[in-house]
Amino acid sequence: MNFVTLILQGSPIVQLVLLILLFFSVFSWAIIFFKRNSLKAATEQSKKFMTVFRKSKNLSEVNEASKKYRGSPQASLFRAAYKELAYLTKSNPNPTLTSENMETINRALIKASNREVAKMEKMMNFLATTGSVTPFIGLFGTVWGIMDAFMQISEAQSTALNAVAPGIAEALIATAAGLFAAIPAVIAYNHFLQRIKELVAEMEDFSIEFLNITERLYGI
């Protein structure tokens, strides 16, 4: 008997468990590929934006260039801070920002940073849930399958191995399926979480750098 036959001839409960595990596995793999691509794009575009930011001496030019890097968290932070800076300085041709003005710009950076972090963490909860829940769902299917196998033994009044082997094998498939869904999700979750922490640190460094440049430009 092969796996397909075991599943097709299995109990409805175990089949339902396997369908649930299949859903978790397919959806978590879709998230893994999506997060991999989005975080990779964020990293690459941030490097390009920071090159432009550090080479340019005109913030308005950087603002125009930042529009090309929509996937960069630092570019998003810059646009938010530059918008606030432009609002504070538009009525004065030779502006000098106060400490209150700088705090306003800092709040704009924090708000934009929180928005970017929320975007990067989107759907991470599903990976965490898959990693923690699917082994237990698979274990439930295994326990149910073994119970069903023992009931078949009682009905058949036979303890021969060939009488119980299909039921036990079907039950163990549920455990294997649960681990198959959980292991990639846990590995991906930990990897992406570390990458997000690195991007958050980079955003914090950029915020400090932007505030320092603003202080130099406007004579704080």
N, C-alpha and C. Protein backbone atom coordinates (compact mmCIF):
# COMPACT_ATOMS: atom_id res chain seq x y z
N MET A 1 0.84 -1.20 0.00
CA MET A 1 0.00 0.00 0.00
C MET A 1 0.88 1.25 0.00
N ASN A 2 0.52 2.25 -0.80
CA ASN A 2 1.27 3.50 -0.82
C ASN A 2 0.54 4.57 -0.01
N PHE A 3 1.17 5.73 0.08
CA PHE A 3 0.62 6.80 0.91
C PHE A 3 -0.76 7.23 0.45
N VAL A 4 -0.93 7.34 -0.85
CA VAL A 4 -2.22 7.80 -1.39
C VAL A 4 -3.32 6.83 -1.02
N THR A 5 -3.05 5.54 -1.16
CA THR A 5 -4.05 4.53 -0.82
C THR A 5 -4.38 4.58 0.66
N LEU A 6 -3.37 4.71 1.50
CA LEU A 6 -3.60 4.79 2.94
C LEU A 6 -4.49 5.98 3.29
N ILE A 7 -4.21 7.12 2.65
CA ILE A 7 -5.00 8.31 2.95
C ILE A 7 -6.44 8.17 2.46
N LEU A 8 -6.59 7.63 1.24
CA LEU A 8 -7.94 7.49 0.68
C LEU A 8 -8.78 6.49 1.46
N GLN A 9 -8.14 5.47 2.03
CA GLN A 9 -8.86 4.46 2.79
C GLN A 9 -8.91 4.77 4.29
N GLY A 10 -8.33 5.92 4.66
CA GLY A 10 -8.29 6.28 6.07
C GLY A 10 -9.62 6.77 6.59
N SER A 11 -9.65 7.02 7.89
CA SER A 11 -10.88 7.50 8.53
C SER A 11 -11.13 8.96 8.13
N PRO A 12 -12.38 9.39 8.13
CA PRO A 12 -12.69 10.78 7.76
C PRO A 12 -12.00 11.80 8.64
N ILE A 13 -11.84 11.49 9.93
CA ILE A 13 -11.21 12.44 10.84
C ILE A 13 -9.75 12.67 10.45
N VAL A 14 -9.03 11.58 10.18
CA VAL A 14 -7.63 11.71 9.80
C VAL A 14 -7.51 12.42 8.46
N GLN A 15 -8.42 12.14 7.54
CA GLN A 15 -8.40 12.84 6.25
C GLN A 15 -8.63 14.34 6.44
N LEU A 16 -9.53 14.69 7.35
CA LEU A 16 -9.78 16.11 7.65
C LEU A 16 -8.53 16.76 8.24
N VAL A 17 -7.87 16.04 9.15
CA VAL A 17 -6.63 16.54 9.74
C VAL A 17 -5.59 16.80 8.66
N LEU A 18 -5.46 15.88 7.72
CA LEU A 18 -4.47 16.03 6.65
C LEU A 18 -4.81 17.21 5.74
N LEU A 19 -6.10 17.43 5.50
CA LEU A 19 -6.50 18.59 4.69
C LEU A 19 -6.14 19.90 5.40
N ILE A 20 -6.37 19.94 6.72
CA ILE A 20 -6.03 21.14 7.49
C ILE A 20 -4.52 21.39 7.43
N LEU A 21 -3.76 20.32 7.59
CA LEU A 21 -2.30 20.45 7.55
C LEU A 21 -1.82 20.87 6.15
N LEU A 22 -2.50 20.38 5.13
CA LEU A 22 -2.15 20.78 3.76
C LEU A 22 -2.39 22.28 3.57
N PHE A 23 -3.51 22.76 4.11
CA PHE A 23 -3.80 24.20 4.02
C PHE A 23 -2.71 25.01 4.70
N PHE A 24 -2.34 24.62 5.93
CA PHE A 24 -1.29 25.34 6.65
C PHE A 24 0.03 25.31 5.88
N SER A 25 0.36 24.16 5.33
CA SER A 25 1.63 24.01 4.63
C SER A 25 1.68 24.86 3.37
N VAL A 26 0.64 24.79 2.55
CA VAL A 26 0.62 25.54 1.29
C VAL A 26 0.64 27.04 1.57
N PHE A 27 -0.18 27.48 2.52
CA PHE A 27 -0.26 28.91 2.80
C PHE A 27 1.03 29.43 3.42
N SER A 28 1.65 28.63 4.29
CA SER A 28 2.91 29.07 4.90
C SER A 28 4.02 29.16 3.86
N TRP A 29 4.05 28.22 2.90
CA TRP A 29 5.06 28.30 1.84
C TRP A 29 4.84 29.52 0.96
N ALA A 30 3.58 29.85 0.71
CA ALA A 30 3.28 31.06 -0.07
C ALA A 30 3.80 32.31 0.67
N ILE A 31 3.59 32.34 1.98
CA ILE A 31 4.08 33.46 2.79
C ILE A 31 5.60 33.51 2.79
N ILE A 32 6.23 32.33 2.88
CA ILE A 32 7.70 32.26 2.90
C ILE A 32 8.28 32.88 1.63
N PHE A 33 7.74 32.51 0.48
CA PHE A 33 8.25 33.06 -0.78
C PHE A 33 7.97 34.56 -0.88
N PHE A 34 6.78 34.97 -0.43
CA PHE A 34 6.43 36.39 -0.48
C PHE A 34 7.34 37.21 0.43
N LYS A 35 7.53 36.76 1.68
CA LYS A 35 8.38 37.50 2.61
C LYS A 35 9.83 37.51 2.14
N ARG A 36 10.28 36.41 1.59
CA ARG A 36 11.66 36.36 1.09
C ARG A 36 11.88 37.42 0.02
N ASN A 37 10.94 37.50 -0.92
CA ASN A 37 11.08 38.47 -2.02
C ASN A 37 10.95 39.91 -1.52
N SER A 38 9.99 40.15 -0.61
CA SER A 38 9.77 41.52 -0.14
C SER A 38 10.93 42.01 0.72
N LEU A 39 11.47 41.16 1.59
CA LEU A 39 12.60 41.57 2.42
C LEU A 39 13.88 41.73 1.59
N LYS A 40 14.03 40.88 0.59
CA LYS A 40 15.17 41.02 -0.31
C LYS A 40 15.10 42.33 -1.07
N ALA A 41 13.90 42.67 -1.56
CA ALA A 41 13.72 43.95 -2.27
C ALA A 41 13.97 45.12 -1.35
N ALA A 42 13.50 45.02 -0.10
CA ALA A 42 13.72 46.11 0.87
C ALA A 42 15.20 46.32 1.12
N THR A 43 15.95 45.23 1.24
CA THR A 43 17.39 45.33 1.47
C THR A 43 18.11 45.96 0.28
N GLU A 44 17.81 45.47 -0.91
CA GLU A 44 18.50 45.96 -2.11
C GLU A 44 18.15 47.42 -2.39
N GLN A 45 16.86 47.77 -2.28
CA GLN A 45 16.47 49.15 -2.56
C GLN A 45 16.99 50.11 -1.49
N SER A 46 17.09 49.64 -0.26
CA SER A 46 17.61 50.49 0.80
C SER A 46 19.08 50.81 0.56
N LYS A 47 19.84 49.85 0.10
CA LYS A 47 21.25 50.09 -0.21
C LYS A 47 21.38 51.15 -1.30
N LYS A 48 20.56 51.04 -2.34
CA LYS A 48 20.62 52.01 -3.44
C LYS A 48 20.19 53.40 -2.95
N PHE A 49 19.13 53.44 -2.14
CA PHE A 49 18.67 54.74 -1.64
C PHE A 49 19.71 55.39 -0.75
N MET A 50 20.33 54.61 0.14
CA MET A 50 21.33 55.18 1.05
C MET A 50 22.53 55.70 0.28
N THR A 51 22.86 55.07 -0.83
CA THR A 51 23.95 55.58 -1.67
C THR A 51 23.59 56.96 -2.22
N VAL A 52 22.36 57.11 -2.70
CA VAL A 52 21.90 58.41 -3.21
C VAL A 52 21.84 59.43 -2.07
N PHE A 53 21.33 59.02 -0.93
CA PHE A 53 21.16 59.92 0.21
C PHE A 53 22.50 60.49 0.68
N ARG A 54 23.51 59.64 0.74
CA ARG A 54 24.81 60.07 1.27
C ARG A 54 25.64 60.83 0.24
N LYS A 55 25.36 60.63 -1.03
CA LYS A 55 26.11 61.34 -2.06
C LYS A 55 25.53 62.71 -2.36
N SER A 56 24.22 62.85 -2.23
CA SER A 56 23.55 64.10 -2.58
C SER A 56 23.70 65.13 -1.46
N LYS A 57 23.79 66.40 -1.83
CA LYS A 57 23.87 67.49 -0.86
C LYS A 57 22.58 68.31 -0.84
N ASN A 58 21.59 67.85 -1.57
CA ASN A 58 20.32 68.56 -1.66
C ASN A 58 19.19 67.61 -1.27
N LEU A 59 18.48 67.95 -0.19
CA LEU A 59 17.43 67.07 0.29
C LEU A 59 16.27 66.96 -0.69
N SER A 60 16.01 68.01 -1.44
CA SER A 60 14.92 67.94 -2.42
C SER A 60 15.24 66.95 -3.53
N GLU A 61 16.50 66.86 -3.91
CA GLU A 61 16.89 65.87 -4.91
C GLU A 61 16.74 64.45 -4.36
N VAL A 62 17.10 64.30 -3.11
CA VAL A 62 16.93 62.98 -2.47
C VAL A 62 15.46 62.62 -2.40
N ASN A 63 14.63 63.60 -2.13
CA ASN A 63 13.19 63.34 -2.05
C ASN A 63 12.65 62.83 -3.39
N GLU A 64 13.10 63.43 -4.49
CA GLU A 64 12.68 62.96 -5.81
C GLU A 64 13.20 61.56 -6.09
N ALA A 65 14.45 61.31 -5.71
CA ALA A 65 15.05 59.99 -5.95
C ALA A 65 14.38 58.91 -5.10
N SER A 66 13.91 59.29 -3.91
CA SER A 66 13.31 58.30 -3.00
C SER A 66 12.04 57.69 -3.57
N LYS A 67 11.39 58.40 -4.49
CA LYS A 67 10.15 57.89 -5.07
C LYS A 67 10.38 56.66 -5.94
N LYS A 68 11.64 56.45 -6.35
CA LYS A 68 11.96 55.27 -7.16
C LYS A 68 12.16 54.03 -6.30
N TYR A 69 12.28 54.24 -4.99
CA TYR A 69 12.59 53.11 -4.10
C TYR A 69 11.44 52.90 -3.12
N ARG A 70 10.29 52.54 -3.66
CA ARG A 70 9.09 52.36 -2.84
C ARG A 70 9.22 51.20 -1.86
N GLY A 71 10.10 50.24 -2.16
CA GLY A 71 10.25 49.09 -1.28
C GLY A 71 11.24 49.31 -0.16
N SER A 72 11.90 50.47 -0.13
CA SER A 72 12.91 50.75 0.88
C SER A 72 12.30 51.39 2.12
N PRO A 73 12.49 50.80 3.31
CA PRO A 73 11.99 51.43 4.54
C PRO A 73 12.62 52.79 4.79
N GLN A 74 13.93 52.91 4.52
CA GLN A 74 14.61 54.19 4.73
C GLN A 74 14.06 55.28 3.83
N ALA A 75 13.72 54.92 2.59
CA ALA A 75 13.13 55.91 1.67
C ALA A 75 11.78 56.39 2.19
N SER A 76 11.01 55.48 2.76
CA SER A 76 9.71 55.86 3.33
C SER A 76 9.90 56.78 4.53
N LEU A 77 10.89 56.48 5.37
CA LEU A 77 11.18 57.35 6.50
C LEU A 77 11.61 58.74 6.03
N PHE A 78 12.44 58.76 5.00
CA PHE A 78 12.91 60.05 4.49
C PHE A 78 11.74 60.89 3.98
N ARG A 79 10.85 60.28 3.21
CA ARG A 79 9.73 61.05 2.66
C ARG A 79 8.86 61.62 3.77
N ALA A 80 8.62 60.83 4.83
CA ALA A 80 7.80 61.31 5.93
C ALA A 80 8.47 62.47 6.66
N ALA A 81 9.79 62.33 6.91
CA ALA A 81 10.51 63.39 7.62
C ALA A 81 10.67 64.63 6.75
N TYR A 82 10.93 64.42 5.46
CA TYR A 82 11.11 65.56 4.55
C TYR A 82 9.80 66.34 4.40
N LYS A 83 8.70 65.63 4.38
CA LYS A 83 7.40 66.30 4.29
C LYS A 83 7.18 67.20 5.50
N GLU A 84 7.52 66.69 6.68
CA GLU A 84 7.37 67.49 7.90
C GLU A 84 8.35 68.66 7.91
N LEU A 85 9.57 68.41 7.44
CA LEU A 85 10.58 69.47 7.38
C LEU A 85 10.15 70.58 6.41
N ALA A 86 9.62 70.18 5.27
CA ALA A 86 9.17 71.16 4.28
C ALA A 86 8.03 72.01 4.83
N TYR A 87 7.15 71.38 5.60
CA TYR A 87 6.04 72.12 6.20
C TYR A 87 6.54 73.15 7.21
N LEU A 88 7.57 72.77 7.98
CA LEU A 88 8.07 73.66 9.02
C LEU A 88 8.88 74.83 8.45
N THR A 89 9.45 74.64 7.27
CA THR A 89 10.35 75.66 6.72
C THR A 89 9.78 76.42 5.52
N LYS A 90 8.58 76.09 5.08
CA LYS A 90 8.07 76.68 3.84
C LYS A 90 7.79 78.18 3.96
N SER A 91 7.46 78.65 5.16
CA SER A 91 7.10 80.07 5.32
C SER A 91 8.30 80.95 5.65
N ASN A 92 9.49 80.35 5.75
CA ASN A 92 10.68 81.12 6.12
C ASN A 92 11.81 80.80 5.16
N PRO A 93 12.31 81.78 4.41
CA PRO A 93 13.37 81.50 3.43
C PRO A 93 14.70 81.11 4.10
N ASN A 94 14.93 81.60 5.33
CA ASN A 94 16.15 81.25 6.07
C ASN A 94 15.77 80.68 7.43
N PRO A 95 15.22 79.48 7.43
CA PRO A 95 14.66 78.95 8.67
C PRO A 95 15.74 78.45 9.64
N THR A 96 15.43 78.57 10.91
CA THR A 96 16.24 77.96 11.97
C THR A 96 15.30 77.15 12.84
N LEU A 97 15.47 75.87 12.84
CA LEU A 97 14.55 75.01 13.55
C LEU A 97 14.84 75.01 15.05
N THR A 98 13.77 74.99 15.83
CA THR A 98 13.90 74.92 17.28
C THR A 98 13.92 73.45 17.72
N SER A 99 14.18 73.25 18.99
CA SER A 99 14.17 71.88 19.53
C SER A 99 12.79 71.26 19.41
N GLU A 100 11.74 72.10 19.52
CA GLU A 100 10.37 71.58 19.35
C GLU A 100 10.14 71.12 17.92
N ASN A 101 10.70 71.89 16.96
CA ASN A 101 10.59 71.48 15.56
C ASN A 101 11.29 70.15 15.31
N MET A 102 12.48 70.00 15.91
CA MET A 102 13.22 68.76 15.74
C MET A 102 12.47 67.58 16.35
N GLU A 103 11.81 67.82 17.46
CA GLU A 103 11.02 66.76 18.09
C GLU A 103 9.84 66.38 17.20
N THR A 104 9.26 67.35 16.51
CA THR A 104 8.17 67.06 15.57
C THR A 104 8.65 66.18 14.44
N ILE A 105 9.83 66.48 13.90
CA ILE A 105 10.41 65.66 12.82
C ILE A 105 10.72 64.26 13.34
N ASN A 106 11.23 64.19 14.57
CA ASN A 106 11.53 62.89 15.17
C ASN A 106 10.27 62.05 15.32
N ARG A 107 9.18 62.67 15.72
CA ARG A 107 7.91 61.93 15.85
C ARG A 107 7.44 61.43 14.49
N ALA A 108 7.65 62.22 13.44
CA ALA A 108 7.28 61.78 12.09
C ALA A 108 8.11 60.57 11.68
N LEU A 109 9.38 60.57 12.04
CA LEU A 109 10.25 59.42 11.75
C LEU A 109 9.80 58.18 12.52
N ILE A 110 9.45 58.36 13.78
CA ILE A 110 8.99 57.22 14.60
C ILE A 110 7.70 56.64 14.05
N LYS A 111 6.78 57.53 13.68
CA LYS A 111 5.50 57.07 13.13
C LYS A 111 5.71 56.30 11.83
N ALA A 112 6.56 56.83 10.95
CA ALA A 112 6.85 56.14 9.69
C ALA A 112 7.56 54.82 9.94
N SER A 113 8.45 54.79 10.93
CA SER A 113 9.17 53.56 11.26
C SER A 113 8.20 52.49 11.76
N ASN A 114 7.27 52.88 12.61
CA ASN A 114 6.28 51.92 13.11
C ASN A 114 5.44 51.35 11.97
N ARG A 115 5.12 52.22 11.03
CA ARG A 115 4.33 51.77 9.88
C ARG A 115 5.11 50.77 9.04
N GLU A 116 6.39 51.02 8.85
CA GLU A 116 7.22 50.10 8.07
C GLU A 116 7.43 48.78 8.79
N VAL A 117 7.60 48.82 10.10
CA VAL A 117 7.75 47.58 10.88
C VAL A 117 6.49 46.73 10.79
N ALA A 118 5.33 47.38 10.91
CA ALA A 118 4.07 46.66 10.80
C ALA A 118 3.93 46.01 9.43
N LYS A 119 4.40 46.71 8.40
CA LYS A 119 4.34 46.16 7.05
C LYS A 119 5.25 44.93 6.92
N MET A 120 6.46 45.02 7.48
CA MET A 120 7.39 43.91 7.39
C MET A 120 6.94 42.70 8.21
N GLU A 121 6.25 42.96 9.32
CA GLU A 121 5.80 41.87 10.19
C GLU A 121 4.48 41.26 9.74
N LYS A 122 3.89 41.82 8.70
CA LYS A 122 2.61 41.32 8.22
C LYS A 122 2.72 39.84 7.82
N MET A 123 1.78 39.04 8.28
CA MET A 123 1.66 37.60 8.01
C MET A 123 2.71 36.75 8.74
N MET A 124 3.57 37.39 9.53
CA MET A 124 4.52 36.61 10.33
C MET A 124 3.80 35.78 11.38
N ASN A 125 2.67 36.28 11.87
CA ASN A 125 1.91 35.55 12.89
C ASN A 125 1.45 34.19 12.37
N PHE A 126 1.14 34.13 11.07
CA PHE A 126 0.68 32.85 10.52
C PHE A 126 1.80 31.83 10.54
N LEU A 127 3.03 32.26 10.24
CA LEU A 127 4.16 31.34 10.30
C LEU A 127 4.38 30.85 11.73
N ALA A 128 4.26 31.76 12.69
CA ALA A 128 4.42 31.36 14.09
C ALA A 128 3.33 30.38 14.50
N THR A 129 2.11 30.65 14.07
CA THR A 129 0.99 29.76 14.40
C THR A 129 1.19 28.39 13.76
N THR A 130 1.62 28.37 12.50
CA THR A 130 1.86 27.10 11.81
C THR A 130 2.93 26.28 12.53
N GLY A 131 4.01 26.95 12.93
CA GLY A 131 5.09 26.24 13.60
C GLY A 131 4.70 25.67 14.95
N SER A 132 3.80 26.34 15.66
CA SER A 132 3.44 25.89 17.00
C SER A 132 2.22 24.96 17.04
N VAL A 133 1.33 25.10 16.06
CA VAL A 133 0.06 24.37 16.12
C VAL A 133 0.06 23.08 15.31
N THR A 134 0.66 23.10 14.14
CA THR A 134 0.54 21.93 13.24
C THR A 134 1.10 20.62 13.82
N PRO A 135 2.18 20.62 14.63
CA PRO A 135 2.59 19.34 15.22
C PRO A 135 1.51 18.73 16.10
N PHE A 136 0.77 19.56 16.82
CA PHE A 136 -0.29 19.05 17.69
C PHE A 136 -1.50 18.59 16.88
N ILE A 137 -1.77 19.29 15.78
CA ILE A 137 -2.85 18.82 14.90
C ILE A 137 -2.49 17.46 14.33
N GLY A 138 -1.23 17.31 13.88
CA GLY A 138 -0.79 16.02 13.38
C GLY A 138 -0.82 14.95 14.45
N LEU A 139 -0.45 15.31 15.68
CA LEU A 139 -0.50 14.34 16.79
C LEU A 139 -1.93 13.91 17.08
N PHE A 140 -2.86 14.86 16.99
CA PHE A 140 -4.27 14.50 17.17
C PHE A 140 -4.71 13.48 16.12
N GLY A 141 -4.32 13.71 14.87
CA GLY A 141 -4.65 12.75 13.82
C GLY A 141 -4.04 11.39 14.07
N THR A 142 -2.81 11.38 14.60
CA THR A 142 -2.15 10.11 14.90
C THR A 142 -2.89 9.36 16.01
N VAL A 143 -3.22 10.07 17.08
CA VAL A 143 -3.94 9.43 18.19
C VAL A 143 -5.28 8.87 17.72
N TRP A 144 -5.99 9.67 16.93
CA TRP A 144 -7.29 9.21 16.43
C TRP A 144 -7.12 8.00 15.53
N GLY A 145 -6.12 8.03 14.67
CA GLY A 145 -5.89 6.91 13.77
C GLY A 145 -5.54 5.63 14.50
N ILE A 146 -4.72 5.74 15.56
CA ILE A 146 -4.37 4.55 16.34
C ILE A 146 -5.59 4.02 17.08
N MET A 147 -6.40 4.93 17.63
CA MET A 147 -7.64 4.49 18.28
C MET A 147 -8.51 3.73 17.28
N ASP A 148 -8.61 4.26 16.07
CA ASP A 148 -9.42 3.61 15.04
C ASP A 148 -8.85 2.24 14.68
N ALA A 149 -7.50 2.16 14.64
CA ALA A 149 -6.86 0.88 14.32
C ALA A 149 -7.16 -0.17 15.39
N PHE A 150 -7.13 0.21 16.65
CA PHE A 150 -7.43 -0.73 17.73
C PHE A 150 -8.90 -1.16 17.72
N MET A 151 -9.76 -0.24 17.33
CA MET A 151 -11.18 -0.60 17.21
C MET A 151 -11.36 -1.64 16.09
N GLN A 152 -10.61 -1.49 15.01
CA GLN A 152 -10.67 -2.47 13.92
C GLN A 152 -10.15 -3.83 14.37
N ILE A 153 -9.14 -3.82 15.23
CA ILE A 153 -8.64 -5.07 15.78
C ILE A 153 -9.72 -5.77 16.59
N SER A 154 -10.43 -4.97 17.38
CA SER A 154 -11.49 -5.54 18.21
C SER A 154 -12.60 -6.13 17.35
N GLU A 155 -12.94 -5.43 16.29
CA GLU A 155 -14.02 -5.91 15.42
C GLU A 155 -13.58 -7.15 14.65
N ALA A 156 -12.33 -7.16 14.21
CA ALA A 156 -11.85 -8.29 13.42
C ALA A 156 -11.43 -9.46 14.28
N GLN A 157 -11.26 -9.20 15.59
CA GLN A 157 -10.82 -10.23 16.55
C GLN A 157 -9.54 -10.90 16.07
N SER A 158 -8.63 -10.05 15.59
CA SER A 158 -7.36 -10.57 15.10
C SER A 158 -6.25 -9.59 15.49
N THR A 159 -5.14 -10.10 16.01
CA THR A 159 -4.01 -9.27 16.40
C THR A 159 -2.86 -9.37 15.39
N ALA A 160 -3.15 -9.91 14.21
CA ALA A 160 -2.11 -10.05 13.20
C ALA A 160 -1.62 -8.67 12.77
N LEU A 161 -0.34 -8.60 12.45
CA LEU A 161 0.26 -7.32 12.09
C LEU A 161 -0.37 -6.72 10.84
N ASN A 162 -0.71 -7.56 9.87
CA ASN A 162 -1.29 -7.03 8.64
C ASN A 162 -2.68 -6.46 8.85
N ALA A 163 -3.28 -6.76 10.01
CA ALA A 163 -4.61 -6.21 10.29
C ALA A 163 -4.53 -4.80 10.86
N VAL A 164 -3.43 -4.50 11.56
CA VAL A 164 -3.33 -3.19 12.20
C VAL A 164 -2.35 -2.25 11.50
N ALA A 165 -1.46 -2.83 10.67
CA ALA A 165 -0.43 -2.01 10.05
C ALA A 165 -0.98 -0.85 9.21
N PRO A 166 -1.99 -1.06 8.36
CA PRO A 166 -2.50 0.07 7.56
C PRO A 166 -3.02 1.21 8.42
N GLY A 167 -3.77 0.87 9.48
CA GLY A 167 -4.32 1.93 10.34
C GLY A 167 -3.25 2.70 11.07
N ILE A 168 -2.23 2.00 11.58
CA ILE A 168 -1.14 2.68 12.29
C ILE A 168 -0.31 3.51 11.31
N ALA A 169 -0.06 2.97 10.12
CA ALA A 169 0.70 3.73 9.12
C ALA A 169 -0.04 5.00 8.73
N GLU A 170 -1.35 4.88 8.57
CA GLU A 170 -2.16 6.07 8.25
C GLU A 170 -2.08 7.10 9.36
N ALA A 171 -2.08 6.61 10.61
CA ALA A 171 -2.00 7.52 11.74
C ALA A 171 -0.66 8.24 11.78
N LEU A 172 0.41 7.53 11.49
CA LEU A 172 1.73 8.13 11.55
C LEU A 172 1.95 9.15 10.42
N ILE A 173 1.22 8.98 9.33
CA ILE A 173 1.31 9.96 8.25
C ILE A 173 0.89 11.34 8.75
N ALA A 174 -0.10 11.36 9.64
CA ALA A 174 -0.57 12.65 10.18
C ALA A 174 0.53 13.35 10.96
N THR A 175 1.28 12.58 11.75
CA THR A 175 2.40 13.18 12.48
C THR A 175 3.45 13.72 11.53
N ALA A 176 3.78 12.93 10.52
CA ALA A 176 4.78 13.37 9.54
C ALA A 176 4.31 14.63 8.82
N ALA A 177 3.02 14.68 8.49
CA ALA A 177 2.48 15.86 7.79
C ALA A 177 2.54 17.09 8.69
N GLY A 178 2.27 16.90 9.98
CA GLY A 178 2.35 18.02 10.92
C GLY A 178 3.76 18.57 11.02
N LEU A 179 4.76 17.68 11.08
CA LEU A 179 6.15 18.13 11.13
C LEU A 179 6.58 18.77 9.82
N PHE A 180 6.09 18.24 8.70
CA PHE A 180 6.42 18.80 7.39
C PHE A 180 5.91 20.23 7.27
N ALA A 181 4.76 20.51 7.88
CA ALA A 181 4.22 21.87 7.84
C ALA A 181 4.93 22.78 8.84
N ALA A 182 5.31 22.22 10.00
CA ALA A 182 5.84 23.05 11.09
C ALA A 182 7.29 23.44 10.89
N ILE A 183 8.14 22.50 10.47
CA ILE A 183 9.58 22.76 10.44
C ILE A 183 9.96 23.91 9.51
N PRO A 184 9.50 23.93 8.24
CA PRO A 184 9.84 25.09 7.38
C PRO A 184 9.31 26.40 7.93
N ALA A 185 8.11 26.36 8.54
CA ALA A 185 7.53 27.59 9.07
C ALA A 185 8.37 28.15 10.21
N VAL A 186 8.86 27.29 11.10
CA VAL A 186 9.67 27.74 12.23
C VAL A 186 11.01 28.30 11.74
N ILE A 187 11.65 27.58 10.81
CA ILE A 187 12.93 28.05 10.27
C ILE A 187 12.76 29.41 9.58
N ALA A 188 11.73 29.52 8.74
CA ALA A 188 11.49 30.77 8.02
C ALA A 188 11.15 31.91 8.98
N TYR A 189 10.34 31.61 10.00
CA TYR A 189 9.95 32.65 10.96
C TYR A 189 11.18 33.21 11.67
N ASN A 190 12.05 32.34 12.15
CA ASN A 190 13.25 32.80 12.85
C ASN A 190 14.18 33.59 11.92
N HIS A 191 14.31 33.12 10.67
CA HIS A 191 15.16 33.82 9.71
C HIS A 191 14.61 35.20 9.39
N PHE A 192 13.31 35.28 9.10
CA PHE A 192 12.70 36.57 8.76
C PHE A 192 12.70 37.51 9.96
N LEU A 193 12.49 36.97 11.15
CA LEU A 193 12.48 37.81 12.35
C LEU A 193 13.85 38.46 12.55
N GLN A 194 14.91 37.70 12.34
CA GLN A 194 16.24 38.25 12.45
C GLN A 194 16.50 39.32 11.39
N ARG A 195 16.03 39.06 10.17
CA ARG A 195 16.23 40.04 9.10
C ARG A 195 15.44 41.32 9.39
N ILE A 196 14.24 41.19 9.93
CA ILE A 196 13.44 42.37 10.27
C ILE A 196 14.12 43.17 11.36
N LYS A 197 14.70 42.50 12.35
CA LYS A 197 15.43 43.20 13.41
C LYS A 197 16.60 43.99 12.83
N GLU A 198 17.28 43.42 11.85
CA GLU A 198 18.39 44.12 11.21
C GLU A 198 17.89 45.35 10.46
N LEU A 199 16.76 45.21 9.76
CA LEU A 199 16.20 46.35 9.03
C LEU A 199 15.72 47.43 9.99
N VAL A 200 15.16 47.03 11.13
CA VAL A 200 14.72 48.00 12.13
C VAL A 200 15.92 48.78 12.67
N ALA A 201 17.02 48.08 12.93
CA ALA A 201 18.24 48.75 13.39
C ALA A 201 18.75 49.74 12.34
N GLU A 202 18.67 49.35 11.07
CA GLU A 202 19.09 50.24 9.99
C GLU A 202 18.20 51.48 9.92
N MET A 203 16.90 51.29 10.16
CA MET A 203 15.99 52.44 10.15
C MET A 203 16.30 53.38 11.31
N GLU A 204 16.61 52.83 12.48
CA GLU A 204 16.96 53.67 13.62
C GLU A 204 18.23 54.47 13.34
N ASP A 205 19.21 53.82 12.73
CA ASP A 205 20.44 54.53 12.36
C ASP A 205 20.16 55.64 11.36
N PHE A 206 19.27 55.36 10.40
CA PHE A 206 18.94 56.38 9.40
C PHE A 206 18.25 57.57 10.05
N SER A 207 17.35 57.31 10.99
CA SER A 207 16.64 58.39 11.67
C SER A 207 17.63 59.32 12.38
N ILE A 208 18.60 58.73 13.06
CA ILE A 208 19.61 59.53 13.75
C ILE A 208 20.43 60.33 12.74
N GLU A 209 20.79 59.69 11.63
CA GLU A 209 21.58 60.36 10.61
C GLU A 209 20.81 61.53 9.98
N PHE A 210 19.51 61.31 9.72
CA PHE A 210 18.70 62.38 9.13
C PHE A 210 18.59 63.56 10.09
N LEU A 211 18.36 63.28 11.36
CA LEU A 211 18.24 64.36 12.34
C LEU A 211 19.55 65.13 12.47
N ASN A 212 20.67 64.44 12.43
CA ASN A 212 21.97 65.11 12.50
C ASN A 212 22.18 66.03 11.31
N ILE A 213 21.82 65.54 10.11
CA ILE A 213 21.97 66.36 8.91
C ILE A 213 21.06 67.59 8.98
N THR A 214 19.84 67.40 9.47
CA THR A 214 18.90 68.51 9.60
C THR A 214 19.44 69.56 10.57
N GLU A 215 20.03 69.10 11.66
CA GLU A 215 20.60 70.04 12.63
C GLU A 215 21.74 70.85 12.01
N ARG A 216 22.58 70.20 11.21
CA ARG A 216 23.69 70.91 10.57
C ARG A 216 23.19 71.92 9.53
N LEU A 217 22.16 71.51 8.77
CA LEU A 217 21.65 72.37 7.71
C LEU A 217 20.92 73.60 8.24
N TYR A 218 20.24 73.42 9.37
CA TYR A 218 19.38 74.51 9.85
C TYR A 218 19.89 75.13 11.15
N GLY A 219 21.17 74.93 11.45
CA GLY A 219 21.84 75.69 12.48
C GLY A 219 21.39 75.48 13.90
N ILE A 220 21.05 74.23 14.23
CA ILE A 220 20.67 73.96 15.63
C ILE A 220 21.93 74.00 16.49
